[in-house]
Amino acid sequence: MVSAEFARTAVGIIGNITALILFLSPVYFRPTFVKIVKKGEVEQFSPIPYLATFVNCGIWVLYGLPLVHPHSLLVITINGSGFVIETIYLLLFLIYSDRKQRVKVRSSIVGSIAIVGNIMMYASPLSVMKLVITTKSVEYMPFFLSLFSLLNGISWTIYALIRFDPYIVIPNGLGSLLGITQLILYATFYKSTKRQLAERKASVEMGPNAGSIKKINVAHNEHP
């Protein structure tokens, strides 16, 4: 019988092969970069697909590191290869673009990375939001952190809308929505949090024998 680990490795190898073909398709099956190099210009070709793949591969390489997610060598091999290949594609775009296009490509590269980092920053409270819903308590979700996260998101969203900048408006718009959600949760569970904290404080003040004393009193009252 085939072991699960063997099957996982086999499927991972197939995934490496298919992904490598995907990464190399702009050279072999749709010779985009052959045309760019021959003509010496990028014409109307867009760097966005290669930029998205570049960012995606970089993140998956980090995910596959032994310190992050052990036993993910095949994740690292293919995404590491993809990262290198997409880097070459983006360098070709930079080399064969005019000055205006070159600045645009650089902005796209840095802006896309910034979007990922910014979204991660704003999405970090999601685990705490889940805890709040589960426990019906906002004890571990600081109010001022949520408030200023919302105000920061709104400020930068407005800034990006005045002279439209998608790389700023996307993550900060999302951050504003998450900030609003956090404050709604805070308002929803504020009273239940106060009640839980009061009950916990009363329990501590009564001491560890509070339950035993209560049982004795109940038994005494029921005795004829």
C-alpha atoms as a PDB file:
ATOM      1  CA  MET A   1       0.000   0.000   0.000  1.00  0.00           C
ATOM      2  CA  VAL A   2       1.298   3.467  -0.933  1.00  0.00           C
ATOM      3  CA  SER A   3       2.078   5.619   2.084  1.00  0.00           C
ATOM      4  CA  ALA A   4       0.609   9.093   2.457  1.00  0.00           C
ATOM      5  CA  GLU A   5       4.086  10.634   2.470  1.00  0.00           C
ATOM      6  CA  PHE A   6       5.025   8.920  -0.809  1.00  0.00           C
ATOM      7  CA  ALA A   7       1.768  10.068  -2.427  1.00  0.00           C
ATOM      8  CA  ARG A   8       2.332  13.613  -1.155  1.00  0.00           C
ATOM      9  CA  THR A   9       5.857  13.663  -2.602  1.00  0.00           C
ATOM     10  CA  ALA A  10       4.708  12.263  -5.962  1.00  0.00           C
ATOM     11  CA  VAL A  11       1.930  14.831  -6.303  1.00  0.00           C
ATOM     12  CA  GLY A  12       4.341  17.568  -5.212  1.00  0.00           C
ATOM     13  CA  ILE A  13       6.797  16.584  -7.957  1.00  0.00           C
ATOM     14  CA  ILE A  14       3.997  16.683 -10.545  1.00  0.00           C
ATOM     15  CA  GLY A  15       3.010  20.093  -9.188  1.00  0.00           C
ATOM     16  CA  ASN A  16       6.624  21.273  -9.549  1.00  0.00           C
ATOM     17  CA  ILE A  17       6.698  20.175 -13.191  1.00  0.00           C
ATOM     18  CA  THR A  18       3.375  21.781 -14.145  1.00  0.00           C
ATOM     19  CA  ALA A  19       4.219  25.014 -12.313  1.00  0.00           C
ATOM     20  CA  LEU A  20       7.640  25.188 -13.993  1.00  0.00           C
ATOM     21  CA  ILE A  21       5.965  24.826 -17.405  1.00  0.00           C
ATOM     22  CA  LEU A  22       3.593  27.627 -16.380  1.00  0.00           C
ATOM     23  CA  PHE A  23       6.480  29.902 -15.353  1.00  0.00           C
ATOM     24  CA  LEU A  24       8.378  29.241 -18.597  1.00  0.00           C
ATOM     25  CA  SER A  25       5.354  29.535 -20.913  1.00  0.00           C
ATOM     26  CA  PRO A  26       6.033  33.221 -21.760  1.00  0.00           C
ATOM     27  CA  VAL A  27       9.305  32.064 -23.352  1.00  0.00           C
ATOM     28  CA  TYR A  28       8.329  28.795 -25.062  1.00  0.00           C
ATOM     29  CA  PHE A  29       4.566  28.580 -25.668  1.00  0.00           C
ATOM     30  CA  ARG A  30       3.812  32.298 -25.939  1.00  0.00           C
ATOM     31  CA  PRO A  31       7.158  33.868 -26.774  1.00  0.00           C
ATOM     32  CA  THR A  32       6.436  37.233 -25.166  1.00  0.00           C
ATOM     33  CA  PHE A  33       9.974  37.887 -24.077  1.00  0.00           C
ATOM     34  CA  VAL A  34      11.486  36.642 -27.318  1.00  0.00           C
ATOM     35  CA  LYS A  35       9.478  39.384 -29.075  1.00  0.00           C
ATOM     36  CA  ILE A  36      10.506  41.981 -26.480  1.00  0.00           C
ATOM     37  CA  VAL A  37      14.216  41.176 -26.820  1.00  0.00           C
ATOM     38  CA  LYS A  38      14.092  41.057 -30.648  1.00  0.00           C
ATOM     39  CA  LYS A  39      12.230  44.371 -30.961  1.00  0.00           C
ATOM     40  CA  GLY A  40      14.054  46.033 -28.088  1.00  0.00           C
ATOM     41  CA  GLU A  41      10.854  47.366 -26.532  1.00  0.00           C
ATOM     42  CA  VAL A  42       7.983  46.070 -24.400  1.00  0.00           C
ATOM     43  CA  GLU A  43       5.269  47.580 -26.649  1.00  0.00           C
ATOM     44  CA  GLN A  44       1.877  47.044 -24.971  1.00  0.00           C
ATOM     45  CA  PHE A  45       2.851  43.987 -22.933  1.00  0.00           C
ATOM     46  CA  SER A  46       1.889  44.321 -19.266  1.00  0.00           C
ATOM     47  CA  PRO A  47       4.243  43.412 -16.395  1.00  0.00           C
ATOM     48  CA  ILE A  48       1.322  42.887 -13.987  1.00  0.00           C
ATOM     49  CA  PRO A  49       0.946  39.060 -14.435  1.00  0.00           C
ATOM     50  CA  TYR A  50       4.684  38.548 -13.850  1.00  0.00           C
ATOM     51  CA  LEU A  51       4.658  40.932 -10.913  1.00  0.00           C
ATOM     52  CA  ALA A  52       1.765  39.064  -9.272  1.00  0.00           C
ATOM     53  CA  THR A  53       3.562  35.736  -9.751  1.00  0.00           C
ATOM     54  CA  PHE A  54       6.803  37.259  -8.400  1.00  0.00           C
ATOM     55  CA  VAL A  55       5.096  38.365  -5.170  1.00  0.00           C
ATOM     56  CA  ASN A  56       3.181  35.080  -4.875  1.00  0.00           C
ATOM     57  CA  CYS A  57       6.323  32.949  -5.248  1.00  0.00           C
ATOM     58  CA  GLY A  58       8.235  35.068  -2.737  1.00  0.00           C
ATOM     59  CA  ILE A  59       5.542  34.604  -0.096  1.00  0.00           C
ATOM     60  CA  TRP A  60       5.351  30.833  -0.677  1.00  0.00           C
ATOM     61  CA  VAL A  61       9.133  30.520  -0.384  1.00  0.00           C
ATOM     62  CA  LEU A  62       8.888  32.143   3.040  1.00  0.00           C
ATOM     63  CA  TYR A  63       6.031  29.788   3.951  1.00  0.00           C
ATOM     64  CA  GLY A  64       8.053  26.731   2.984  1.00  0.00           C
ATOM     65  CA  LEU A  65      11.086  27.591   5.133  1.00  0.00           C
ATOM     66  CA  PRO A  66      11.822  24.906   7.781  1.00  0.00           C
ATOM     67  CA  LEU A  67      11.402  27.418  10.594  1.00  0.00           C
ATOM     68  CA  VAL A  68       7.962  28.388   9.288  1.00  0.00           C
ATOM     69  CA  HIS A  69       6.486  25.167   7.892  1.00  0.00           C
ATOM     70  CA  PRO A  70       8.723  22.062   8.079  1.00  0.00           C
ATOM     71  CA  HIS A  71       8.688  19.296   5.446  1.00  0.00           C
ATOM     72  CA  SER A  72       7.842  21.691   2.591  1.00  0.00           C
ATOM     73  CA  LEU A  73      10.931  21.298   0.396  1.00  0.00           C
ATOM     74  CA  LEU A  74       8.872  20.932  -2.788  1.00  0.00           C
ATOM     75  CA  VAL A  75       7.097  24.195  -1.991  1.00  0.00           C
ATOM     76  CA  ILE A  76      10.461  25.948  -1.748  1.00  0.00           C
ATOM     77  CA  THR A  77      11.969  24.377  -4.897  1.00  0.00           C
ATOM     78  CA  ILE A  78       9.224  25.394  -7.304  1.00  0.00           C
ATOM     79  CA  ASN A  79       8.444  28.774  -5.803  1.00  0.00           C
ATOM     80  CA  GLY A  80      12.153  29.555  -5.495  1.00  0.00           C
ATOM     81  CA  SER A  81      12.511  28.724  -9.183  1.00  0.00           C
ATOM     82  CA  GLY A  82       9.443  30.796 -10.009  1.00  0.00           C
ATOM     83  CA  PHE A  83      10.795  33.725  -8.006  1.00  0.00           C
ATOM     84  CA  VAL A  84      14.066  33.691  -9.973  1.00  0.00           C
ATOM     85  CA  ILE A  85      12.277  33.314 -13.335  1.00  0.00           C
ATOM     86  CA  GLU A  86       9.824  36.137 -12.612  1.00  0.00           C
ATOM     87  CA  THR A  87      12.709  38.340 -11.425  1.00  0.00           C
ATOM     88  CA  ILE A  88      14.351  37.847 -14.836  1.00  0.00           C
ATOM     89  CA  TYR A  89      11.083  38.737 -16.592  1.00  0.00           C
ATOM     90  CA  LEU A  90      10.706  41.922 -14.556  1.00  0.00           C
ATOM     91  CA  LEU A  91      14.338  42.886 -15.214  1.00  0.00           C
ATOM     92  CA  LEU A  92      13.690  42.485 -18.948  1.00  0.00           C
ATOM     93  CA  PHE A  93      10.687  44.787 -18.607  1.00  0.00           C
ATOM     94  CA  LEU A  94      12.902  47.346 -16.867  1.00  0.00           C
ATOM     95  CA  ILE A  95      15.677  47.041 -19.469  1.00  0.00           C
ATOM     96  CA  TYR A  96      13.427  47.337 -22.523  1.00  0.00           C
ATOM     97  CA  SER A  97      11.041  49.984 -21.194  1.00  0.00           C
ATOM     98  CA  ASP A  98      11.409  53.695 -21.788  1.00  0.00           C
ATOM     99  CA  ARG A  99      11.990  55.954 -18.775  1.00  0.00           C
ATOM    100  CA  LYS A 100       8.279  56.525 -18.072  1.00  0.00           C
ATOM    101  CA  GLN A 101       7.451  52.820 -18.331  1.00  0.00           C
ATOM    102  CA  ARG A 102      10.476  51.926 -16.199  1.00  0.00           C
ATOM    103  CA  VAL A 103       9.289  54.122 -13.340  1.00  0.00           C
ATOM    104  CA  LYS A 104       5.819  52.607 -13.657  1.00  0.00           C
ATOM    105  CA  VAL A 105       7.215  49.051 -13.472  1.00  0.00           C
ATOM    106  CA  ARG A 106       9.325  49.924 -10.392  1.00  0.00           C
ATOM    107  CA  SER A 107       6.285  51.506  -8.733  1.00  0.00           C
ATOM    108  CA  SER A 108       4.232  48.399  -9.496  1.00  0.00           C
ATOM    109  CA  ILE A 109       6.856  46.077  -7.979  1.00  0.00           C
ATOM    110  CA  VAL A 110       7.342  48.044  -4.769  1.00  0.00           C
ATOM    111  CA  GLY A 111       3.649  48.958  -4.521  1.00  0.00           C
ATOM    112  CA  SER A 112       2.515  45.341  -4.794  1.00  0.00           C
ATOM    113  CA  ILE A 113       4.931  44.265  -2.060  1.00  0.00           C
ATOM    114  CA  ALA A 114       3.717  47.183   0.067  1.00  0.00           C
ATOM    115  CA  ILE A 115       0.090  46.086  -0.433  1.00  0.00           C
ATOM    116  CA  VAL A 116       0.892  42.600   0.870  1.00  0.00           C
ATOM    117  CA  GLY A 117       2.691  43.967   3.931  1.00  0.00           C
ATOM    118  CA  ASN A 118      -0.018  46.519   4.660  1.00  0.00           C
ATOM    119  CA  ILE A 119      -2.830  43.988   4.355  1.00  0.00           C
ATOM    120  CA  MET A 120      -0.955  41.649   6.713  1.00  0.00           C
ATOM    121  CA  MET A 121      -0.675  44.490   9.237  1.00  0.00           C
ATOM    122  CA  TYR A 122      -4.387  45.288   9.092  1.00  0.00           C
ATOM    123  CA  ALA A 123      -5.422  41.609   9.007  1.00  0.00           C
ATOM    124  CA  SER A 124      -3.380  40.712  12.101  1.00  0.00           C
ATOM    125  CA  PRO A 125      -6.333  41.376  14.486  1.00  0.00           C
ATOM    126  CA  LEU A 126      -8.483  38.778  12.684  1.00  0.00           C
ATOM    127  CA  SER A 127      -7.420  36.035  15.110  1.00  0.00           C
ATOM    128  CA  VAL A 128      -8.321  38.304  18.025  1.00  0.00           C
ATOM    129  CA  MET A 129     -11.688  39.080  16.399  1.00  0.00           C
ATOM    130  CA  LYS A 130     -12.383  35.352  16.236  1.00  0.00           C
ATOM    131  CA  LEU A 131     -11.520  35.063  19.940  1.00  0.00           C
ATOM    132  CA  VAL A 132     -13.877  37.953  20.724  1.00  0.00           C
ATOM    133  CA  ILE A 133     -16.787  36.260  18.940  1.00  0.00           C
ATOM    134  CA  THR A 134     -16.044  32.911  20.600  1.00  0.00           C
ATOM    135  CA  THR A 135     -15.648  34.234  24.154  1.00  0.00           C
ATOM    136  CA  LYS A 136     -18.056  37.184  23.817  1.00  0.00           C
ATOM    137  CA  SER A 137     -15.333  39.282  25.425  1.00  0.00           C
ATOM    138  CA  VAL A 138     -13.179  42.154  24.127  1.00  0.00           C
ATOM    139  CA  GLU A 139     -10.684  41.798  26.964  1.00  0.00           C
ATOM    140  CA  TYR A 140      -7.843  40.917  24.586  1.00  0.00           C
ATOM    141  CA  MET A 141      -8.743  43.442  21.854  1.00  0.00           C
ATOM    142  CA  PRO A 142      -7.426  46.860  22.952  1.00  0.00           C
ATOM    143  CA  PHE A 143      -9.915  49.621  22.158  1.00  0.00           C
ATOM    144  CA  PHE A 144      -7.416  52.342  21.238  1.00  0.00           C
ATOM    145  CA  LEU A 145      -5.497  50.021  18.921  1.00  0.00           C
ATOM    146  CA  SER A 146      -8.741  49.341  17.041  1.00  0.00           C
ATOM    147  CA  LEU A 147      -9.739  53.012  17.041  1.00  0.00           C
ATOM    148  CA  PHE A 148      -6.448  54.345  15.711  1.00  0.00           C
ATOM    149  CA  SER A 149      -6.196  51.504  13.217  1.00  0.00           C
ATOM    150  CA  LEU A 150      -9.511  52.748  11.799  1.00  0.00           C
ATOM    151  CA  LEU A 151      -8.430  56.407  11.835  1.00  0.00           C
ATOM    152  CA  ASN A 152      -5.121  55.530  10.168  1.00  0.00           C
ATOM    153  CA  GLY A 153      -6.888  53.519   7.453  1.00  0.00           C
ATOM    154  CA  ILE A 154      -9.382  56.336   6.774  1.00  0.00           C
ATOM    155  CA  SER A 155      -6.654  59.002   6.652  1.00  0.00           C
ATOM    156  CA  TRP A 156      -4.539  57.149   4.108  1.00  0.00           C
ATOM    157  CA  THR A 157      -7.562  56.087   2.062  1.00  0.00           C
ATOM    158  CA  ILE A 158      -8.598  59.738   1.675  1.00  0.00           C
ATOM    159  CA  TYR A 159      -4.993  60.664   0.875  1.00  0.00           C
ATOM    160  CA  ALA A 160      -4.875  58.031  -1.884  1.00  0.00           C
ATOM    161  CA  LEU A 161      -8.248  59.058  -3.324  1.00  0.00           C
ATOM    162  CA  ILE A 162      -7.303  62.737  -3.730  1.00  0.00           C
ATOM    163  CA  ARG A 163      -4.660  61.721  -6.263  1.00  0.00           C
ATOM    164  CA  PHE A 164      -5.712  58.159  -6.957  1.00  0.00           C
ATOM    165  CA  ASP A 165      -3.101  55.600  -5.915  1.00  0.00           C
ATOM    166  CA  PRO A 166      -4.383  52.007  -5.951  1.00  0.00           C
ATOM    167  CA  TYR A 167      -1.372  50.705  -4.011  1.00  0.00           C
ATOM    168  CA  ILE A 168      -2.310  52.881  -1.042  1.00  0.00           C
ATOM    169  CA  VAL A 169      -6.094  52.866  -1.333  1.00  0.00           C
ATOM    170  CA  ILE A 170      -6.535  49.077  -1.539  1.00  0.00           C
ATOM    171  CA  PRO A 171      -4.861  48.012   1.747  1.00  0.00           C
ATOM    172  CA  ASN A 172      -5.955  51.093   3.680  1.00  0.00           C
ATOM    173  CA  GLY A 173      -9.533  50.816   2.439  1.00  0.00           C
ATOM    174  CA  LEU A 174      -9.519  47.211   3.615  1.00  0.00           C
ATOM    175  CA  GLY A 175      -7.928  48.335   6.889  1.00  0.00           C
ATOM    176  CA  SER A 176     -10.734  50.852   7.388  1.00  0.00           C
ATOM    177  CA  LEU A 177     -13.347  48.131   6.960  1.00  0.00           C
ATOM    178  CA  LEU A 178     -11.552  45.880   9.430  1.00  0.00           C
ATOM    179  CA  GLY A 179     -11.251  48.780  11.877  1.00  0.00           C
ATOM    180  CA  ILE A 180     -15.001  49.436  11.657  1.00  0.00           C
ATOM    181  CA  THR A 181     -15.660  45.728  12.216  1.00  0.00           C
ATOM    182  CA  GLN A 182     -13.451  45.715  15.307  1.00  0.00           C
ATOM    183  CA  LEU A 183     -15.270  48.708  16.821  1.00  0.00           C
ATOM    184  CA  ILE A 184     -18.641  47.098  16.103  1.00  0.00           C
ATOM    185  CA  LEU A 185     -17.456  43.974  17.923  1.00  0.00           C
ATOM    186  CA  TYR A 186     -16.204  46.129  20.781  1.00  0.00           C
ATOM    187  CA  ALA A 187     -19.581  47.857  21.127  1.00  0.00           C
ATOM    188  CA  THR A 188     -21.438  44.534  20.840  1.00  0.00           C
ATOM    189  CA  PHE A 189     -19.484  42.680  23.540  1.00  0.00           C
ATOM    190  CA  TYR A 190     -18.514  45.561  25.836  1.00  0.00           C
ATOM    191  CA  LYS A 191     -21.255  44.853  28.403  1.00  0.00           C
ATOM    192  CA  SER A 192     -20.699  41.097  28.413  1.00  0.00           C
ATOM    193  CA  THR A 193     -16.953  41.738  28.932  1.00  0.00           C
ATOM    194  CA  LYS A 194     -17.619  43.932  31.971  1.00  0.00           C
ATOM    195  CA  ARG A 195     -19.921  41.245  33.384  1.00  0.00           C
ATOM    196  CA  GLN A 196     -17.324  38.504  32.876  1.00  0.00           C
ATOM    197  CA  LEU A 197     -14.581  40.608  34.486  1.00  0.00           C
ATOM    198  CA  ALA A 198     -16.837  41.421  37.462  1.00  0.00           C
ATOM    199  CA  GLU A 199     -17.701  37.745  37.957  1.00  0.00           C
ATOM    200  CA  ARG A 200     -14.020  36.790  37.747  1.00  0.00           C
ATOM    201  CA  LYS A 201     -13.078  39.477  40.280  1.00  0.00           C
ATOM    202  CA  ALA A 202     -15.821  38.339  42.672  1.00  0.00           C
ATOM    203  CA  SER A 203     -14.674  34.733  42.350  1.00  0.00           C
ATOM    204  CA  VAL A 204     -11.076  35.691  43.177  1.00  0.00           C
ATOM    205  CA  GLU A 205     -12.126  37.796  46.180  1.00  0.00           C
ATOM    206  CA  MET A 206     -14.242  34.950  47.597  1.00  0.00           C
ATOM    207  CA  GLY A 207     -11.219  32.632  47.396  1.00  0.00           C
ATOM    208  CA  PRO A 208     -10.769  28.997  46.299  1.00  0.00           C
ATOM    209  CA  ASN A 209     -13.190  27.682  48.949  1.00  0.00           C
ATOM    210  CA  ALA A 210     -16.083  29.791  47.680  1.00  0.00           C
ATOM    211  CA  GLY A 211     -17.668  26.844  45.895  1.00  0.00           C
ATOM    212  CA  SER A 212     -17.447  24.608  48.969  1.00  0.00           C
ATOM    213  CA  ILE A 213     -18.962  27.296  51.228  1.00  0.00           C
ATOM    214  CA  LYS A 214     -21.817  27.749  48.785  1.00  0.00           C
ATOM    215  CA  LYS A 215     -22.541  23.997  48.779  1.00  0.00           C
ATOM    216  CA  ILE A 216     -22.525  23.893  52.627  1.00  0.00           C
ATOM    217  CA  ASN A 217     -24.959  26.805  52.802  1.00  0.00           C
ATOM    218  CA  VAL A 218     -27.282  25.152  50.313  1.00  0.00           C
ATOM    219  CA  ALA A 219     -27.177  21.862  52.252  1.00  0.00           C
ATOM    220  CA  HIS A 220     -27.823  23.703  55.551  1.00  0.00           C
ATOM    221  CA  ASN A 221     -30.857  25.480  54.116  1.00  0.00           C
ATOM    222  CA  GLU A 222     -32.289  22.237  52.788  1.00  0.00           C
ATOM    223  CA  HIS A 223     -31.811  20.377  56.125  1.00  0.00           C
ATOM    224  CA  PRO A 224     -35.171  19.961  58.015  1.00  0.00           C
END
